Structures are given as C-alpha cells and as structure tokens.
Amino acid sequence: MLIFALLSLFAIVLVVVWVTRSGKRKSRETDSRIYAAHTQAHPLEPLEHSTGHSFGLLLKAARGDRSVVEKWIMAEQHHHFPPISRDVAIEQLATRLQTTRR
C-alpha cells in the first residue's frame, strides 16, 4: 500500500511539473513568433526600384503582393506562343493596366 501511495504521489508530481514547463514553453513561443507582420501590407513607393517602373505599377496594383504579380507574369508569358520573355511580359501587363485605368 505504501508503494502505491509513493508511486501515485510521484506520478502527480511529474504531471504538475510537465504542465508547468509546457505552459512556459508556449508563452515563450508566442512572444518570439512575431514574424514580419509588416511585409506586403502597403504598396511600395516610389514605383522606381530594382525591377523597373512597369514592375512597380504591377506591384502597386497587386497591393504589394509579389506572389500575385509573379502569377500574372507567368500567365502572360505562357499565354503567347512561343512564350515571351519576362521583361516583355511585364511591359505588356503594365501597358494593359495603364490603358484600363484611363
């Protein structure tokens, strides 16, 4: 009977220690998991940057989301036969965007 009581007490202590340690780990993780909350939330200004004015127009139209712009470029490249270059596709998309906004 004494052994059962000691094993039960030991198990309870282990459970309490495990719960307190796992709670501390979770609180530390939530504090350190702020990962680039500001990225791609605002349009990039000015329009001139390393990829050029046309890409800047497309990026502004996509509200700063580069993955959307890349999808547009890929679709435009493969829309033509034979496929056009990336620069030509960016220029065509920017021209089409400007004409639709006038």
Protein backbone atom coordinates (compact mmCIF):
# COMPACT_ATOMS: atom_id res chain seq x y z
CA MET A 1 0.00 0.00 0.00
CA LEU A 2 2.87 2.37 0.79
CA ILE A 3 4.50 1.71 -2.59
CA PHE A 4 1.23 2.51 -4.39
CA ALA A 5 0.90 5.79 -2.48
CA LEU A 6 4.50 6.77 -3.28
CA LEU A 7 4.10 5.91 -6.99
CA SER A 8 0.84 7.88 -7.14
CA LEU A 9 2.47 10.88 -5.46
CA PHE A 10 5.44 10.65 -7.83
CA ALA A 11 3.09 10.49 -10.86
CA ILE A 12 1.16 13.54 -9.65
CA VAL A 13 4.40 15.49 -9.16
CA LEU A 14 5.56 14.56 -12.67
CA VAL A 15 2.26 15.67 -14.20
CA VAL A 16 2.40 19.00 -12.35
CA VAL A 17 6.00 19.63 -13.45
CA TRP A 18 5.18 18.72 -17.05
CA VAL A 19 2.16 21.05 -17.15
CA THR A 20 4.09 24.00 -15.72
CA ARG A 21 7.02 23.52 -18.11
CA SER A 22 4.84 23.13 -21.19
CA GLY A 23 2.97 26.30 -20.24
CA LYS A 24 6.23 28.25 -20.00
CA ARG A 25 7.37 26.96 -23.39
CA LYS A 26 4.13 28.06 -25.06
CA SER A 27 4.32 31.55 -23.60
CA ARG A 28 7.90 31.98 -24.80
CA GLU A 29 7.00 30.79 -28.30
CA THR A 30 4.10 33.20 -28.68
CA ASP A 31 6.29 36.14 -27.66
CA SER A 32 9.03 35.32 -30.15
CA ARG A 33 6.81 34.39 -33.11
CA ILE A 34 6.18 37.87 -34.48
CA TYR A 35 7.36 37.19 -37.99
CA ALA A 36 7.48 40.14 -40.36
CA ALA A 37 3.98 41.38 -39.64
CA HIS A 38 4.54 44.45 -41.78
CA THR A 39 5.59 42.70 -45.01
CA GLN A 40 3.49 43.23 -48.11
CA ALA A 41 0.87 45.21 -46.25
CA HIS A 42 1.44 48.51 -48.04
CA PRO A 43 2.08 49.36 -51.68
CA LEU A 44 5.69 50.12 -52.40
CA GLU A 45 6.59 53.71 -53.13
CA PRO A 46 8.21 55.07 -55.23
CA LEU A 47 7.46 53.00 -58.31
CA GLU A 48 11.08 53.00 -59.42
CA HIS A 49 13.04 50.21 -57.77
CA SER A 50 15.36 47.43 -58.80
CA THR A 51 12.88 45.78 -61.16
CA GLY A 52 11.75 48.88 -63.01
CA HIS A 53 8.78 51.17 -63.36
CA SER A 54 6.50 48.61 -65.03
CA PHE A 55 7.00 46.04 -62.30
CA GLY A 56 6.33 48.78 -59.75
CA LEU A 57 2.99 49.53 -61.41
CA LEU A 58 2.04 45.87 -61.28
CA LEU A 59 3.15 45.62 -57.66
CA LYS A 60 1.06 48.63 -56.73
CA ALA A 61 -1.96 47.12 -58.50
CA ALA A 62 -1.43 43.91 -56.51
CA ARG A 63 -1.18 45.95 -53.29
CA GLY A 64 2.39 44.86 -52.65
CA ASP A 65 1.84 41.13 -53.05
CA ARG A 66 4.74 39.86 -55.15
CA SER A 67 3.30 36.35 -55.50
CA VAL A 68 0.26 37.75 -57.31
CA VAL A 69 2.49 39.73 -59.67
CA GLU A 70 4.58 36.63 -60.39
CA LYS A 71 1.41 34.68 -61.24
CA TRP A 72 0.34 37.43 -63.64
CA ILE A 73 3.76 37.41 -65.30
CA MET A 74 3.84 33.63 -65.67
CA ALA A 75 0.33 33.60 -67.12
CA GLU A 76 1.22 36.34 -69.60
CA GLN A 77 4.40 34.55 -70.64
CA HIS A 78 2.64 31.27 -71.35
CA HIS A 79 -0.38 32.92 -72.96
CA HIS A 80 1.67 33.59 -76.08
CA PHE A 81 3.14 31.02 -78.43
CA PRO A 82 6.10 30.89 -78.42
CA PRO A 83 6.39 32.10 -74.82
CA ILE A 84 7.66 35.66 -74.48
CA SER A 85 10.43 36.81 -72.17
CA ARG A 86 9.80 38.01 -68.65
CA ASP A 87 10.64 41.63 -69.43
CA VAL A 88 8.29 41.75 -72.40
CA ALA A 89 5.51 40.19 -70.33
CA ILE A 90 5.99 42.79 -67.58
CA GLU A 91 5.88 45.61 -70.13
CA GLN A 92 2.73 44.25 -71.77
CA LEU A 93 0.96 43.82 -68.43
CA ALA A 94 1.90 47.34 -67.33
CA THR A 95 0.71 48.81 -70.62
CA ARG A 96 -2.58 46.92 -70.39
CA LEU A 97 -3.02 48.06 -66.78
CA GLN A 98 -2.46 51.70 -67.72
CA THR A 99 -4.90 51.55 -70.63
CA THR A 100 -7.65 50.02 -68.50
CA ARG A 101 -7.27 52.72 -65.86
CA ARG A 102 -7.68 55.61 -68.29
